[in-house]
Structures are given as C-alpha cells and as structure tokens.
Amino acid sequence: MQYTYFRLLAIASAALTAWITSIADSSYRSWSYQHDINDFGFANYSPSIFGTITTILLLIGIFYKSPKDLGTNAGYITLGCMAYELLQPILGTGIFDWQDIAAVAITGGLLSYGLKRLQPKLYLNAAN
C-alpha cells in the first residue's frame, strides 16, 4: 500500500470513528442506561476509546508526510489525549475518570503498536 493511500484511508477511518464516537457518546450511552445494560462501563469510556482512535488517525493522516516513526508519533498523540483527559475538569469539558485514562492508554498503546508493525511495509512502499 502506498503511503498516500494509507493517509487517505487514515482520514476516512477517522471520519468513521468520529461518527462512532458520537453515537457511543449520545445514543448508546442513553440506551444502555435506560435498559439497565451491564456492559462493564463501556458506555462510559467508549467515547474515550473511539475518540483516541479518531485523533490518532486524523492527525497522522493530515500531518505526517512520511511513515517514519509512525508508531512513535501515535504514542505521542496518545500522551496528548491522556493530557486532555486529565485537563477536562479544568477546561470545563468533562469530568476526571481513571477509566477514561486507562481506555486512552490501552487504545493508544495498541494502535501505536499496530502502526509500528505496519511502518516497515509503508516505508518500503514509500521508497518505491
């Protein structure tokens, strides 16, 4: 896969996960609370999961012109997402919850690892 196509796929995937984030934050959360569904807290931290995926894919798709250090950059974006979770009470955009921090860290770590594994294939194709 050429890196240009990967970037377009990353942006398109970010748009899809942004839509999923919106549904998870509004419709699913309300529905699960209304029907008293025990989803192990997924309704609470799913926006953090999908929001992290959206942020990483969107920023990589827009700003990173080369596949070099793709996984590392995704890790830095994850740290930024974690900082946002910590600052939400100060910014007035949400409440602080350790589950959200854990969700962001795990999701960002897995996505960073996956991108790190994909990086050599993208880098070889970018050189050709």
N, C-alpha and C. Protein backbone atom coordinates (compact mmCIF):
# COMPACT_ATOMS: atom_id res chain seq x y z
N MET A 1 0.85 -1.17 0.00
CA MET A 1 0.00 0.00 0.00
C MET A 1 0.89 1.23 0.00
N GLN A 2 0.63 2.15 -0.89
CA GLN A 2 1.40 3.39 -0.91
C GLN A 2 1.00 4.26 0.27
N TYR A 3 1.95 5.05 0.75
CA TYR A 3 1.70 5.84 1.94
C TYR A 3 0.61 6.88 1.71
N THR A 4 0.50 7.42 0.50
CA THR A 4 -0.56 8.39 0.20
C THR A 4 -1.92 7.75 0.40
N TYR A 5 -2.08 6.52 -0.07
CA TYR A 5 -3.35 5.82 0.12
C TYR A 5 -3.60 5.52 1.59
N PHE A 6 -2.54 5.20 2.31
CA PHE A 6 -2.66 4.96 3.75
C PHE A 6 -3.16 6.23 4.44
N ARG A 7 -2.62 7.39 4.07
CA ARG A 7 -3.05 8.64 4.68
C ARG A 7 -4.52 8.92 4.39
N LEU A 8 -4.95 8.67 3.16
CA LEU A 8 -6.37 8.86 2.82
C LEU A 8 -7.25 7.88 3.58
N LEU A 9 -6.79 6.65 3.70
CA LEU A 9 -7.52 5.64 4.47
C LEU A 9 -7.58 6.04 5.95
N ALA A 10 -6.51 6.59 6.47
CA ALA A 10 -6.48 7.04 7.87
C ALA A 10 -7.50 8.16 8.10
N ILE A 11 -7.58 9.11 7.17
CA ILE A 11 -8.53 10.22 7.31
C ILE A 11 -9.97 9.70 7.19
N ALA A 12 -10.22 8.81 6.24
CA ALA A 12 -11.56 8.24 6.09
C ALA A 12 -11.94 7.42 7.33
N SER A 13 -11.00 6.66 7.86
CA SER A 13 -11.25 5.87 9.07
C SER A 13 -11.50 6.79 10.26
N ALA A 14 -10.80 7.90 10.31
CA ALA A 14 -11.01 8.88 11.39
C ALA A 14 -12.43 9.44 11.32
N ALA A 15 -12.91 9.70 10.12
CA ALA A 15 -14.28 10.20 9.97
C ALA A 15 -15.29 9.16 10.45
N LEU A 16 -15.04 7.90 10.12
CA LEU A 16 -15.93 6.83 10.57
C LEU A 16 -15.90 6.69 12.09
N THR A 17 -14.72 6.71 12.69
CA THR A 17 -14.64 6.57 14.14
C THR A 17 -15.17 7.81 14.86
N ALA A 18 -15.11 8.97 14.22
CA ALA A 18 -15.74 10.17 14.80
C ALA A 18 -17.26 9.98 14.87
N TRP A 19 -17.80 9.39 13.84
CA TRP A 19 -19.24 9.11 13.83
C TRP A 19 -19.58 8.08 14.91
N ILE A 20 -18.77 7.04 15.04
CA ILE A 20 -18.99 6.03 16.08
C ILE A 20 -18.86 6.66 17.47
N THR A 21 -17.91 7.58 17.64
CA THR A 21 -17.74 8.28 18.91
C THR A 21 -19.00 9.04 19.27
N SER A 22 -19.56 9.72 18.29
CA SER A 22 -20.79 10.49 18.51
C SER A 22 -21.94 9.58 18.93
N ILE A 23 -22.08 8.44 18.26
CA ILE A 23 -23.15 7.50 18.61
C ILE A 23 -22.91 6.92 20.00
N ALA A 24 -21.67 6.53 20.28
CA ALA A 24 -21.35 5.95 21.59
C ALA A 24 -21.59 6.94 22.71
N ASP A 25 -21.31 8.21 22.45
CA ASP A 25 -21.44 9.23 23.48
C ASP A 25 -22.89 9.61 23.74
N SER A 26 -23.72 9.55 22.73
CA SER A 26 -25.10 10.00 22.91
C SER A 26 -26.09 8.84 22.93
N SER A 27 -26.30 8.23 21.80
CA SER A 27 -27.35 7.22 21.68
C SER A 27 -27.08 5.97 22.50
N TYR A 28 -25.90 5.40 22.36
CA TYR A 28 -25.62 4.14 23.06
C TYR A 28 -25.63 4.32 24.56
N ARG A 29 -25.02 5.39 25.04
CA ARG A 29 -24.98 5.61 26.49
C ARG A 29 -26.38 5.75 27.06
N SER A 30 -27.22 6.54 26.41
CA SER A 30 -28.61 6.72 26.87
C SER A 30 -29.37 5.40 26.82
N TRP A 31 -29.20 4.67 25.73
CA TRP A 31 -29.90 3.40 25.56
C TRP A 31 -29.48 2.39 26.62
N SER A 32 -28.18 2.29 26.86
CA SER A 32 -27.70 1.30 27.84
C SER A 32 -28.14 1.65 29.25
N TYR A 33 -28.17 2.94 29.60
CA TYR A 33 -28.65 3.35 30.92
C TYR A 33 -30.15 3.09 31.05
N GLN A 34 -30.89 3.41 29.99
CA GLN A 34 -32.34 3.25 30.02
C GLN A 34 -32.75 1.79 30.18
N HIS A 35 -32.00 0.88 29.55
CA HIS A 35 -32.33 -0.54 29.61
C HIS A 35 -31.53 -1.29 30.67
N ASP A 36 -30.83 -0.55 31.49
CA ASP A 36 -30.05 -1.11 32.59
C ASP A 36 -29.14 -2.26 32.12
N ILE A 37 -28.36 -1.97 31.06
CA ILE A 37 -27.46 -2.96 30.48
C ILE A 37 -26.13 -2.92 31.23
N ASN A 38 -25.66 -4.07 31.65
CA ASN A 38 -24.35 -4.14 32.30
C ASN A 38 -23.31 -4.41 31.22
N ASP A 39 -22.67 -3.38 30.77
CA ASP A 39 -21.64 -3.50 29.73
C ASP A 39 -20.25 -3.25 30.30
N PHE A 40 -20.11 -3.43 31.60
CA PHE A 40 -18.83 -3.26 32.30
C PHE A 40 -18.27 -1.85 32.13
N GLY A 41 -19.14 -0.86 32.04
CA GLY A 41 -18.71 0.53 31.93
C GLY A 41 -18.38 1.00 30.53
N PHE A 42 -18.59 0.14 29.54
CA PHE A 42 -18.24 0.50 28.15
C PHE A 42 -18.96 1.77 27.71
N ALA A 43 -20.20 1.96 28.15
CA ALA A 43 -20.94 3.17 27.77
C ALA A 43 -20.26 4.43 28.28
N ASN A 44 -19.56 4.31 29.40
CA ASN A 44 -18.89 5.47 29.98
C ASN A 44 -17.57 5.80 29.29
N TYR A 45 -16.77 4.78 28.97
CA TYR A 45 -15.45 5.07 28.42
C TYR A 45 -15.32 4.81 26.93
N SER A 46 -16.38 4.39 26.26
CA SER A 46 -16.30 4.18 24.81
C SER A 46 -15.99 5.47 24.04
N PRO A 47 -16.50 6.64 24.44
CA PRO A 47 -16.08 7.85 23.72
C PRO A 47 -14.57 8.10 23.82
N SER A 48 -13.96 7.71 24.93
CA SER A 48 -12.51 7.87 25.07
C SER A 48 -11.77 6.91 24.13
N ILE A 49 -12.29 5.70 23.99
CA ILE A 49 -11.67 4.73 23.09
C ILE A 49 -11.74 5.22 21.66
N PHE A 50 -12.95 5.49 21.19
CA PHE A 50 -13.12 5.89 19.78
C PHE A 50 -12.58 7.28 19.51
N GLY A 51 -12.62 8.17 20.51
CA GLY A 51 -12.04 9.50 20.35
C GLY A 51 -10.53 9.45 20.18
N THR A 52 -9.88 8.54 20.90
CA THR A 52 -8.43 8.36 20.76
C THR A 52 -8.08 7.84 19.37
N ILE A 53 -8.84 6.85 18.91
CA ILE A 53 -8.61 6.31 17.56
C ILE A 53 -8.80 7.41 16.52
N THR A 54 -9.86 8.19 16.66
CA THR A 54 -10.14 9.29 15.73
C THR A 54 -8.99 10.28 15.71
N THR A 55 -8.54 10.69 16.88
CA THR A 55 -7.47 11.69 16.97
C THR A 55 -6.18 11.20 16.34
N ILE A 56 -5.78 9.97 16.67
CA ILE A 56 -4.54 9.43 16.12
C ILE A 56 -4.61 9.33 14.61
N LEU A 57 -5.68 8.73 14.09
CA LEU A 57 -5.78 8.54 12.64
C LEU A 57 -5.88 9.87 11.90
N LEU A 58 -6.64 10.81 12.44
CA LEU A 58 -6.80 12.11 11.77
C LEU A 58 -5.48 12.88 11.74
N LEU A 59 -4.79 12.95 12.87
CA LEU A 59 -3.53 13.70 12.89
C LEU A 59 -2.46 13.05 12.03
N ILE A 60 -2.39 11.72 12.05
CA ILE A 60 -1.41 11.04 11.20
C ILE A 60 -1.77 11.24 9.73
N GLY A 61 -3.06 11.14 9.40
CA GLY A 61 -3.48 11.30 8.01
C GLY A 61 -3.23 12.70 7.47
N ILE A 62 -3.37 13.70 8.31
CA ILE A 62 -3.21 15.09 7.84
C ILE A 62 -1.76 15.55 7.89
N PHE A 63 -1.07 15.30 9.00
CA PHE A 63 0.21 15.96 9.23
C PHE A 63 1.46 15.15 8.92
N TYR A 64 1.39 13.85 8.94
CA TYR A 64 2.60 13.06 8.77
C TYR A 64 2.80 12.66 7.32
N LYS A 65 3.79 13.27 6.70
CA LYS A 65 4.05 13.08 5.27
C LYS A 65 4.88 11.83 4.98
N SER A 66 5.47 11.24 6.01
CA SER A 66 6.33 10.08 5.84
C SER A 66 5.97 9.02 6.88
N PRO A 67 6.09 7.74 6.54
CA PRO A 67 5.77 6.70 7.51
C PRO A 67 6.85 6.51 8.58
N LYS A 68 7.93 7.29 8.51
CA LYS A 68 9.00 7.16 9.50
C LYS A 68 8.46 7.52 10.89
N ASP A 69 8.77 6.68 11.87
CA ASP A 69 8.37 6.89 13.27
C ASP A 69 6.86 6.98 13.46
N LEU A 70 6.12 6.25 12.66
CA LEU A 70 4.66 6.29 12.72
C LEU A 70 4.13 5.85 14.09
N GLY A 71 4.63 4.73 14.59
CA GLY A 71 4.18 4.23 15.89
C GLY A 71 4.57 5.15 17.03
N THR A 72 5.76 5.71 16.97
CA THR A 72 6.22 6.64 18.00
C THR A 72 5.36 7.90 18.01
N ASN A 73 5.06 8.43 16.84
CA ASN A 73 4.21 9.62 16.76
C ASN A 73 2.81 9.34 17.29
N ALA A 74 2.30 8.15 17.01
CA ALA A 74 0.99 7.77 17.54
C ALA A 74 1.05 7.71 19.07
N GLY A 75 2.18 7.27 19.61
CA GLY A 75 2.36 7.26 21.06
C GLY A 75 2.34 8.66 21.65
N TYR A 76 2.97 9.60 20.98
CA TYR A 76 2.95 10.99 21.45
C TYR A 76 1.54 11.57 21.38
N ILE A 77 0.81 11.24 20.34
CA ILE A 77 -0.58 11.70 20.23
C ILE A 77 -1.40 11.11 21.38
N THR A 78 -1.14 9.85 21.71
CA THR A 78 -1.83 9.22 22.84
C THR A 78 -1.54 9.97 24.14
N LEU A 79 -0.30 10.37 24.35
CA LEU A 79 0.03 11.15 25.54
C LEU A 79 -0.75 12.47 25.56
N GLY A 80 -0.92 13.08 24.39
CA GLY A 80 -1.73 14.29 24.30
C GLY A 80 -3.18 14.04 24.65
N CYS A 81 -3.71 12.90 24.21
CA CYS A 81 -5.09 12.53 24.55
C CYS A 81 -5.23 12.30 26.05
N MET A 82 -4.21 11.69 26.65
CA MET A 82 -4.23 11.47 28.10
C MET A 82 -4.17 12.79 28.86
N ALA A 83 -3.37 13.72 28.36
CA ALA A 83 -3.29 15.04 28.99
C ALA A 83 -4.64 15.75 28.91
N TYR A 84 -5.31 15.60 27.78
CA TYR A 84 -6.65 16.19 27.64
C TYR A 84 -7.61 15.59 28.66
N GLU A 85 -7.56 14.27 28.84
CA GLU A 85 -8.43 13.62 29.83
C GLU A 85 -8.16 14.17 31.23
N LEU A 86 -6.89 14.41 31.55
CA LEU A 86 -6.54 14.96 32.86
C LEU A 86 -7.01 16.41 33.02
N LEU A 87 -7.00 17.17 31.93
CA LEU A 87 -7.35 18.59 31.99
C LEU A 87 -8.84 18.88 31.80
N GLN A 88 -9.64 17.87 31.53
CA GLN A 88 -11.06 18.12 31.29
C GLN A 88 -11.77 18.89 32.41
N PRO A 89 -11.53 18.57 33.69
CA PRO A 89 -12.21 19.35 34.73
C PRO A 89 -11.79 20.83 34.73
N ILE A 90 -10.52 21.09 34.42
CA ILE A 90 -10.03 22.47 34.39
C ILE A 90 -10.60 23.22 33.19
N LEU A 91 -10.67 22.52 32.05
CA LEU A 91 -11.19 23.13 30.83
C LEU A 91 -12.71 23.23 30.82
N GLY A 92 -13.36 22.50 31.73
CA GLY A 92 -14.82 22.51 31.79
C GLY A 92 -15.48 21.69 30.69
N THR A 93 -14.75 20.71 30.14
CA THR A 93 -15.30 19.90 29.06
C THR A 93 -15.72 18.50 29.51
N GLY A 94 -15.54 18.18 30.78
CA GLY A 94 -15.90 16.85 31.27
C GLY A 94 -15.43 16.65 32.68
N ILE A 95 -15.52 15.41 33.13
CA ILE A 95 -15.08 15.08 34.48
C ILE A 95 -13.87 14.14 34.39
N PHE A 96 -13.12 14.08 35.47
CA PHE A 96 -11.95 13.21 35.50
C PHE A 96 -12.38 11.81 35.90
N ASP A 97 -11.92 10.81 35.17
CA ASP A 97 -12.23 9.42 35.47
C ASP A 97 -11.03 8.56 35.09
N TRP A 98 -10.57 7.74 36.03
CA TRP A 98 -9.42 6.88 35.76
C TRP A 98 -9.70 5.88 34.65
N GLN A 99 -10.96 5.45 34.51
CA GLN A 99 -11.30 4.52 33.44
C GLN A 99 -11.04 5.14 32.07
N ASP A 100 -11.30 6.43 31.95
CA ASP A 100 -11.03 7.11 30.68
C ASP A 100 -9.54 7.15 30.39
N ILE A 101 -8.74 7.43 31.41
CA ILE A 101 -7.28 7.44 31.24
C ILE A 101 -6.80 6.06 30.80
N ALA A 102 -7.30 5.02 31.48
CA ALA A 102 -6.92 3.65 31.13
C ALA A 102 -7.36 3.31 29.71
N ALA A 103 -8.58 3.72 29.34
CA ALA A 103 -9.09 3.44 27.99
C ALA A 103 -8.22 4.11 26.93
N VAL A 104 -7.83 5.35 27.17
CA VAL A 104 -6.98 6.08 26.23
C VAL A 104 -5.60 5.42 26.14
N ALA A 105 -5.03 5.08 27.29
CA ALA A 105 -3.69 4.47 27.31
C ALA A 105 -3.67 3.12 26.59
N ILE A 106 -4.65 2.28 26.86
CA ILE A 106 -4.70 0.95 26.24
C ILE A 106 -4.97 1.07 24.74
N THR A 107 -5.96 1.88 24.39
CA THR A 107 -6.29 2.05 22.97
C THR A 107 -5.12 2.65 22.20
N GLY A 108 -4.55 3.72 22.73
CA GLY A 108 -3.41 4.36 22.07
C GLY A 108 -2.21 3.44 21.99
N GLY A 109 -1.98 2.67 23.04
CA GLY A 109 -0.86 1.73 23.03
C GLY A 109 -1.04 0.65 21.96
N LEU A 110 -2.24 0.10 21.88
CA LEU A 110 -2.50 -0.93 20.86
C LEU A 110 -2.40 -0.37 19.44
N LEU A 111 -2.95 0.82 19.24
CA LEU A 111 -2.88 1.43 17.91
C LEU A 111 -1.44 1.81 17.56
N SER A 112 -0.70 2.31 18.52
CA SER A 112 0.71 2.65 18.29
C SER A 112 1.50 1.40 17.92
N TYR A 113 1.25 0.31 18.62
CA TYR A 113 1.93 -0.95 18.33
C TYR A 113 1.57 -1.44 16.92
N GLY A 114 0.29 -1.37 16.58
CA GLY A 114 -0.13 -1.80 15.24
C GLY A 114 0.50 -0.96 14.15
N LEU A 115 0.55 0.35 14.36
CA LEU A 115 1.17 1.23 13.36
C LEU A 115 2.68 1.00 13.28
N LYS A 116 3.29 0.69 14.41
CA LYS A 116 4.74 0.39 14.42
C LYS A 116 5.02 -0.87 13.61
N ARG A 117 4.14 -1.85 13.72
CA ARG A 117 4.30 -3.09 12.95
C ARG A 117 4.03 -2.85 11.46
N LEU A 118 3.15 -1.93 11.14
CA LEU A 118 2.81 -1.63 9.75
C LEU A 118 3.84 -0.72 9.09
N GLN A 119 4.56 0.03 9.89
CA GLN A 119 5.50 1.04 9.39
C GLN A 119 6.52 0.52 8.38
N PRO A 120 7.18 -0.61 8.60
CA PRO A 120 8.16 -1.06 7.61
C PRO A 120 7.54 -1.30 6.23
N LYS A 121 6.33 -1.83 6.18
CA LYS A 121 5.68 -2.08 4.90
C LYS A 121 5.36 -0.76 4.20
N LEU A 122 4.92 0.23 4.95
CA LEU A 122 4.63 1.53 4.36
C LEU A 122 5.90 2.24 3.93
N TYR A 123 6.95 2.09 4.73
CA TYR A 123 8.21 2.75 4.42
C TYR A 123 8.85 2.18 3.16
N LEU A 124 8.77 0.86 2.98
CA LEU A 124 9.30 0.23 1.76
C LEU A 124 8.54 0.70 0.54
N ASN A 125 7.23 0.79 0.65
CA ASN A 125 6.42 1.23 -0.49
C ASN A 125 6.61 2.72 -0.78
N ALA A 126 6.89 3.51 0.26
CA ALA A 126 7.11 4.95 0.05
C ALA A 126 8.40 5.19 -0.71
N ALA A 127 9.36 4.29 -0.54
CA ALA A 127 10.65 4.44 -1.23
C ALA A 127 10.56 4.06 -2.72
N ASN A 128 9.59 3.23 -3.06
CA ASN A 128 9.46 2.78 -4.46
C ASN A 128 8.63 3.73 -5.29
